[in-house]
Amino acid sequence: MNQIFLLLLQDCQLLLQLITQASLLVLSKPLKPYLLLLLSLLRELFQTCKLLRLDLINSILLKQVDESICKFAKKGLTPSQIGVILRDSHGIPQVKSVTGNKILRILKAHGLAPEIPEDLYHLIKKAVAIRKHLERNRKDKDSKFRLILVESRIHRLARYYKKTKKLPPVWKYESTTASTLVA
């Protein structure tokens, strides 16, 4: 299909050049309006061919971006990590501007979205790391205080996600099972 558009585009360019050269020649007055009309129609056809080719290129790019997002998600990367890789390595600054959808929506469409939202996941990971630190350093009062703050943030965020139905209503954060959520 891409070859057809290229051939059509080349034919349009050739016809446009021929008519432009013919219009430079001295023509009889009755032929001139028809020639100008034909010239304008060919210009419109040429523009349409260009737009169709751009649409084809965009649809190919869209499929490639979708495939690479799914490939990175299967490797275990988070949506923000996928966005950073696409920005730095593939030259796609905003996935939404290319595909029309955000990375998380694309992952949901393919069934690869994470079970726990990313910000909640990172808070749980931080709480697990602080608990691990407190097992080795029991007298670290500041870390105990920070753990309380992080866990309260986890509870608030979980309440919000339950309300917006991004988490099931029975989901509950428990410090004993938190390490299994993060692993």
C-alpha atoms as a PDB file:
ATOM      1  CA  MET A   1       0.000   0.000   0.000  1.00  0.00           C
ATOM      2  CA  ASN A   2       2.900   2.311   0.774  1.00  0.00           C
ATOM      3  CA  GLN A   3       4.318   1.680  -2.725  1.00  0.00           C
ATOM      4  CA  ILE A   4       1.016   2.680  -4.319  1.00  0.00           C
ATOM      5  CA  PHE A   5       1.082   6.012  -2.508  1.00  0.00           C
ATOM      6  CA  LEU A   6       4.696   6.600  -3.538  1.00  0.00           C
ATOM      7  CA  LEU A   7       3.898   5.891  -7.205  1.00  0.00           C
ATOM      8  CA  LEU A   8       0.826   8.123  -7.073  1.00  0.00           C
ATOM      9  CA  LEU A   9       2.870  10.867  -5.457  1.00  0.00           C
ATOM     10  CA  GLN A  10       5.569  10.597  -8.141  1.00  0.00           C
ATOM     11  CA  ASP A  11       2.951  10.645 -10.926  1.00  0.00           C
ATOM     12  CA  CYS A  12       1.359  13.753  -9.417  1.00  0.00           C
ATOM     13  CA  GLN A  13       4.730  15.476  -9.234  1.00  0.00           C
ATOM     14  CA  LEU A  14       5.523  14.596 -12.858  1.00  0.00           C
ATOM     15  CA  LEU A  15       2.146  15.824 -14.130  1.00  0.00           C
ATOM     16  CA  LEU A  16       2.487  19.010 -12.124  1.00  0.00           C
ATOM     17  CA  GLN A  17       5.900  19.693 -13.683  1.00  0.00           C
ATOM     18  CA  LEU A  18       4.642  18.981 -17.214  1.00  0.00           C
ATOM     19  CA  ILE A  19       1.638  21.254 -16.860  1.00  0.00           C
ATOM     20  CA  THR A  20       3.703  24.010 -15.296  1.00  0.00           C
ATOM     21  CA  GLN A  21       6.135  23.836 -18.235  1.00  0.00           C
ATOM     22  CA  ALA A  22       3.258  23.742 -20.731  1.00  0.00           C
ATOM     23  CA  SER A  23       1.639  26.778 -19.142  1.00  0.00           C
ATOM     24  CA  LEU A  24       4.833  28.715 -19.701  1.00  0.00           C
ATOM     25  CA  LEU A  25       4.487  28.158 -23.437  1.00  0.00           C
ATOM     26  CA  VAL A  26       2.314  30.528 -25.364  1.00  0.00           C
ATOM     27  CA  LEU A  27      -1.143  28.960 -25.479  1.00  0.00           C
ATOM     28  CA  SER A  28      -4.291  29.972 -27.203  1.00  0.00           C
ATOM     29  CA  LYS A  29      -6.742  31.839 -24.999  1.00  0.00           C
ATOM     30  CA  PRO A  30      -9.496  29.150 -24.978  1.00  0.00           C
ATOM     31  CA  LEU A  31      -7.134  26.478 -23.547  1.00  0.00           C
ATOM     32  CA  LYS A  32      -5.638  28.576 -20.773  1.00  0.00           C
ATOM     33  CA  PRO A  33      -8.584  28.427 -18.254  1.00  0.00           C
ATOM     34  CA  TYR A  34      -8.878  24.656 -18.643  1.00  0.00           C
ATOM     35  CA  LEU A  35      -5.165  24.248 -18.146  1.00  0.00           C
ATOM     36  CA  LEU A  36      -5.252  26.399 -15.001  1.00  0.00           C
ATOM     37  CA  LEU A  37      -8.190  24.388 -13.668  1.00  0.00           C
ATOM     38  CA  LEU A  38      -6.311  21.147 -14.350  1.00  0.00           C
ATOM     39  CA  LEU A  39      -3.245  22.588 -12.647  1.00  0.00           C
ATOM     40  CA  SER A  40      -5.204  23.489  -9.496  1.00  0.00           C
ATOM     41  CA  LEU A  41      -6.864  20.048  -9.429  1.00  0.00           C
ATOM     42  CA  LEU A  42      -3.492  18.356  -9.688  1.00  0.00           C
ATOM     43  CA  ARG A  43      -2.125  20.486  -6.870  1.00  0.00           C
ATOM     44  CA  GLU A  44      -5.045  19.399  -4.683  1.00  0.00           C
ATOM     45  CA  LEU A  45      -4.447  15.766  -5.656  1.00  0.00           C
ATOM     46  CA  PHE A  46      -0.767  16.152  -4.840  1.00  0.00           C
ATOM     47  CA  GLN A  47      -1.597  17.566  -1.383  1.00  0.00           C
ATOM     48  CA  THR A  48      -4.077  14.734  -0.760  1.00  0.00           C
ATOM     49  CA  CYS A  49      -1.432  12.151  -1.682  1.00  0.00           C
ATOM     50  CA  LYS A  50       0.991  13.777   0.736  1.00  0.00           C
ATOM     51  CA  LEU A  51      -1.589  13.720   3.542  1.00  0.00           C
ATOM     52  CA  LEU A  52      -2.497  10.081   2.859  1.00  0.00           C
ATOM     53  CA  ARG A  53       1.175   9.139   2.960  1.00  0.00           C
ATOM     54  CA  LEU A  54       1.611  10.998   6.267  1.00  0.00           C
ATOM     55  CA  ASP A  55      -1.416   9.172   7.705  1.00  0.00           C
ATOM     56  CA  LEU A  56       0.104   5.861   6.633  1.00  0.00           C
ATOM     57  CA  ILE A  57       3.442   6.739   8.239  1.00  0.00           C
ATOM     58  CA  ASN A  58       1.662   7.820  11.445  1.00  0.00           C
ATOM     59  CA  SER A  59      -0.309   4.561  11.627  1.00  0.00           C
ATOM     60  CA  ILE A  60       2.915   2.551  11.220  1.00  0.00           C
ATOM     61  CA  LEU A  61       4.606   4.655  13.932  1.00  0.00           C
ATOM     62  CA  LEU A  62       1.583   4.206  16.204  1.00  0.00           C
ATOM     63  CA  LYS A  63       1.808   0.407  15.891  1.00  0.00           C
ATOM     64  CA  GLN A  64       5.551   0.466  16.579  1.00  0.00           C
ATOM     65  CA  VAL A  65       5.093   2.625  19.689  1.00  0.00           C
ATOM     66  CA  ASP A  66       2.322   0.336  20.976  1.00  0.00           C
ATOM     67  CA  GLU A  67       4.482  -2.739  20.402  1.00  0.00           C
ATOM     68  CA  SER A  68       7.506  -1.217  22.141  1.00  0.00           C
ATOM     69  CA  ILE A  69       5.385  -0.129  25.133  1.00  0.00           C
ATOM     70  CA  CYS A  70       4.047  -3.685  25.480  1.00  0.00           C
ATOM     71  CA  LYS A  71       7.548  -5.129  25.085  1.00  0.00           C
ATOM     72  CA  PHE A  72       8.918  -2.916  27.874  1.00  0.00           C
ATOM     73  CA  ALA A  73       5.943  -3.704  30.129  1.00  0.00           C
ATOM     74  CA  LYS A  74       6.530  -7.435  29.669  1.00  0.00           C
ATOM     75  CA  LYS A  75      10.119  -6.872  30.824  1.00  0.00           C
ATOM     76  CA  GLY A  76       8.671  -5.505  34.087  1.00  0.00           C
ATOM     77  CA  LEU A  77       9.160  -1.762  33.630  1.00  0.00           C
ATOM     78  CA  THR A  78       6.745   0.750  35.123  1.00  0.00           C
ATOM     79  CA  PRO A  79       4.858   3.238  32.907  1.00  0.00           C
ATOM     80  CA  SER A  80       7.136   6.108  33.941  1.00  0.00           C
ATOM     81  CA  GLN A  81      10.260   4.052  33.153  1.00  0.00           C
ATOM     82  CA  ILE A  82       8.777   3.192  29.757  1.00  0.00           C
ATOM     83  CA  GLY A  83       8.162   6.894  29.120  1.00  0.00           C
ATOM     84  CA  VAL A  84      11.751   7.770  30.018  1.00  0.00           C
ATOM     85  CA  ILE A  85      13.122   5.088  27.672  1.00  0.00           C
ATOM     86  CA  LEU A  86      10.877   6.225  24.817  1.00  0.00           C
ATOM     87  CA  ARG A  87      11.919   9.835  25.404  1.00  0.00           C
ATOM     88  CA  ASP A  88      15.662   9.214  25.706  1.00  0.00           C
ATOM     89  CA  SER A  89      16.271   6.326  23.307  1.00  0.00           C
ATOM     90  CA  HIS A  90      13.495   6.542  20.726  1.00  0.00           C
ATOM     91  CA  GLY A  91      12.936  10.299  20.468  1.00  0.00           C
ATOM     92  CA  ILE A  92       9.266  10.265  21.488  1.00  0.00           C
ATOM     93  CA  PRO A  93       8.829  13.138  23.964  1.00  0.00           C
ATOM     94  CA  GLN A  94       5.132  12.516  24.660  1.00  0.00           C
ATOM     95  CA  VAL A  95       3.443   9.191  23.917  1.00  0.00           C
ATOM     96  CA  LYS A  96       0.029  10.848  24.047  1.00  0.00           C
ATOM     97  CA  SER A  97       0.932  13.210  21.193  1.00  0.00           C
ATOM     98  CA  VAL A  98       1.858  10.237  18.976  1.00  0.00           C
ATOM     99  CA  THR A  99      -0.775   7.666  19.938  1.00  0.00           C
ATOM    100  CA  GLY A 100      -3.555   9.768  21.437  1.00  0.00           C
ATOM    101  CA  ASN A 101      -3.447   7.662  24.606  1.00  0.00           C
ATOM    102  CA  LYS A 102      -1.295   7.665  27.697  1.00  0.00           C
ATOM    103  CA  ILE A 103       1.056   4.768  28.421  1.00  0.00           C
ATOM    104  CA  LEU A 104      -1.133   3.385  31.211  1.00  0.00           C
ATOM    105  CA  ARG A 105      -4.220   3.325  28.951  1.00  0.00           C
ATOM    106  CA  ILE A 106      -2.270   1.449  26.283  1.00  0.00           C
ATOM    107  CA  LEU A 107      -1.122  -1.045  28.924  1.00  0.00           C
ATOM    108  CA  LYS A 108      -4.709  -1.474  30.176  1.00  0.00           C
ATOM    109  CA  ALA A 109      -5.904  -2.103  26.615  1.00  0.00           C
ATOM    110  CA  HIS A 110      -3.358  -4.904  26.255  1.00  0.00           C
ATOM    111  CA  GLY A 111      -3.966  -6.252  29.785  1.00  0.00           C
ATOM    112  CA  LEU A 112      -0.482  -5.341  31.015  1.00  0.00           C
ATOM    113  CA  ALA A 113      -1.346  -2.607  33.513  1.00  0.00           C
ATOM    114  CA  PRO A 114       0.101  -3.001  37.023  1.00  0.00           C
ATOM    115  CA  GLU A 115      -2.322  -4.188  39.724  1.00  0.00           C
ATOM    116  CA  ILE A 116      -1.250  -1.461  42.150  1.00  0.00           C
ATOM    117  CA  PRO A 117      -0.915   2.157  40.948  1.00  0.00           C
ATOM    118  CA  GLU A 118       2.687   3.229  40.532  1.00  0.00           C
ATOM    119  CA  ASP A 119       2.830   5.907  43.243  1.00  0.00           C
ATOM    120  CA  LEU A 120       1.279   3.568  45.816  1.00  0.00           C
ATOM    121  CA  TYR A 121       3.710   0.828  44.771  1.00  0.00           C
ATOM    122  CA  HIS A 122       6.702   3.103  45.390  1.00  0.00           C
ATOM    123  CA  LEU A 123       5.385   4.160  48.809  1.00  0.00           C
ATOM    124  CA  ILE A 124       4.961   0.504  49.795  1.00  0.00           C
ATOM    125  CA  LYS A 125       8.480  -0.191  48.556  1.00  0.00           C
ATOM    126  CA  LYS A 126       9.785   2.683  50.689  1.00  0.00           C
ATOM    127  CA  ALA A 127       7.912   1.393  53.768  1.00  0.00           C
ATOM    128  CA  VAL A 128       9.384  -2.098  53.271  1.00  0.00           C
ATOM    129  CA  ALA A 129      12.896  -0.618  53.017  1.00  0.00           C
ATOM    130  CA  ILE A 130      12.390   1.411  56.219  1.00  0.00           C
ATOM    131  CA  ARG A 131      11.075  -1.678  58.065  1.00  0.00           C
ATOM    132  CA  LYS A 132      14.102  -3.655  56.917  1.00  0.00           C
ATOM    133  CA  HIS A 133      16.340  -0.850  58.178  1.00  0.00           C
ATOM    134  CA  LEU A 134      14.508  -0.805  61.532  1.00  0.00           C
ATOM    135  CA  GLU A 135      15.091  -4.545  61.991  1.00  0.00           C
ATOM    136  CA  ARG A 136      18.832  -3.857  62.003  1.00  0.00           C
ATOM    137  CA  ASN A 137      18.668  -0.493  63.813  1.00  0.00           C
ATOM    138  CA  ARG A 138      15.953  -0.721  66.444  1.00  0.00           C
ATOM    139  CA  LYS A 139      16.859   2.540  68.192  1.00  0.00           C
ATOM    140  CA  ASP A 140      16.590   4.708  65.094  1.00  0.00           C
ATOM    141  CA  LYS A 141      13.772   6.980  66.264  1.00  0.00           C
ATOM    142  CA  ASP A 142      13.781   9.161  63.159  1.00  0.00           C
ATOM    143  CA  SER A 143      13.217   6.160  60.887  1.00  0.00           C
ATOM    144  CA  LYS A 144      10.335   5.020  63.095  1.00  0.00           C
ATOM    145  CA  PHE A 145       8.754   8.437  62.706  1.00  0.00           C
ATOM    146  CA  ARG A 146       9.346   8.412  58.909  1.00  0.00           C
ATOM    147  CA  LEU A 147       7.778   4.949  58.692  1.00  0.00           C
ATOM    148  CA  ILE A 148       4.655   6.268  60.424  1.00  0.00           C
ATOM    149  CA  LEU A 149       4.477   9.146  57.914  1.00  0.00           C
ATOM    150  CA  VAL A 150       4.971   6.861  54.905  1.00  0.00           C
ATOM    151  CA  GLU A 151       2.372   4.370  56.123  1.00  0.00           C
ATOM    152  CA  SER A 152      -0.158   7.127  56.739  1.00  0.00           C
ATOM    153  CA  ARG A 153       0.464   8.315  53.164  1.00  0.00           C
ATOM    154  CA  ILE A 154      -0.109   4.751  51.959  1.00  0.00           C
ATOM    155  CA  HIS A 155      -3.443   4.562  53.815  1.00  0.00           C
ATOM    156  CA  ARG A 156      -4.596   7.929  52.442  1.00  0.00           C
ATOM    157  CA  LEU A 157      -3.630   7.013  48.898  1.00  0.00           C
ATOM    158  CA  ALA A 158      -5.278   3.591  49.211  1.00  0.00           C
ATOM    159  CA  ARG A 159      -8.486   5.260  50.387  1.00  0.00           C
ATOM    160  CA  TYR A 160      -8.400   7.546  47.339  1.00  0.00           C
ATOM    161  CA  TYR A 161      -7.779   4.656  44.934  1.00  0.00           C
ATOM    162  CA  LYS A 162     -10.612   2.637  46.476  1.00  0.00           C
ATOM    163  CA  LYS A 163     -12.909   5.618  46.046  1.00  0.00           C
ATOM    164  CA  THR A 164     -11.908   6.026  42.382  1.00  0.00           C
ATOM    165  CA  LYS A 165     -12.160   2.234  41.875  1.00  0.00           C
ATOM    166  CA  LYS A 166      -8.528   1.790  40.843  1.00  0.00           C
ATOM    167  CA  LEU A 167      -8.121  -0.627  43.759  1.00  0.00           C
ATOM    168  CA  PRO A 168     -10.653  -3.252  44.851  1.00  0.00           C
ATOM    169  CA  PRO A 169     -12.725  -2.207  47.908  1.00  0.00           C
ATOM    170  CA  VAL A 170     -11.330  -5.104  49.965  1.00  0.00           C
ATOM    171  CA  TRP A 171      -7.678  -4.166  49.353  1.00  0.00           C
ATOM    172  CA  LYS A 172      -5.832  -3.302  52.536  1.00  0.00           C
ATOM    173  CA  TYR A 173      -2.230  -2.437  53.295  1.00  0.00           C
ATOM    174  CA  GLU A 174      -0.648  -4.682  55.898  1.00  0.00           C
ATOM    175  CA  SER A 175       2.970  -4.285  56.885  1.00  0.00           C
ATOM    176  CA  THR A 176       3.414  -8.052  57.251  1.00  0.00           C
ATOM    177  CA  THR A 177       2.403  -8.795  53.650  1.00  0.00           C
ATOM    178  CA  ALA A 178       3.841  -5.626  52.113  1.00  0.00           C
ATOM    179  CA  SER A 179       7.109  -7.273  51.103  1.00  0.00           C
ATOM    180  CA  THR A 180       5.191  -9.775  48.935  1.00  0.00           C
ATOM    181  CA  LEU A 181       3.437  -6.902  47.120  1.00  0.00           C
ATOM    182  CA  VAL A 182       6.752  -5.289  46.244  1.00  0.00           C
ATOM    183  CA  ALA A 183       8.756  -8.416  45.369  1.00  0.00           C
END
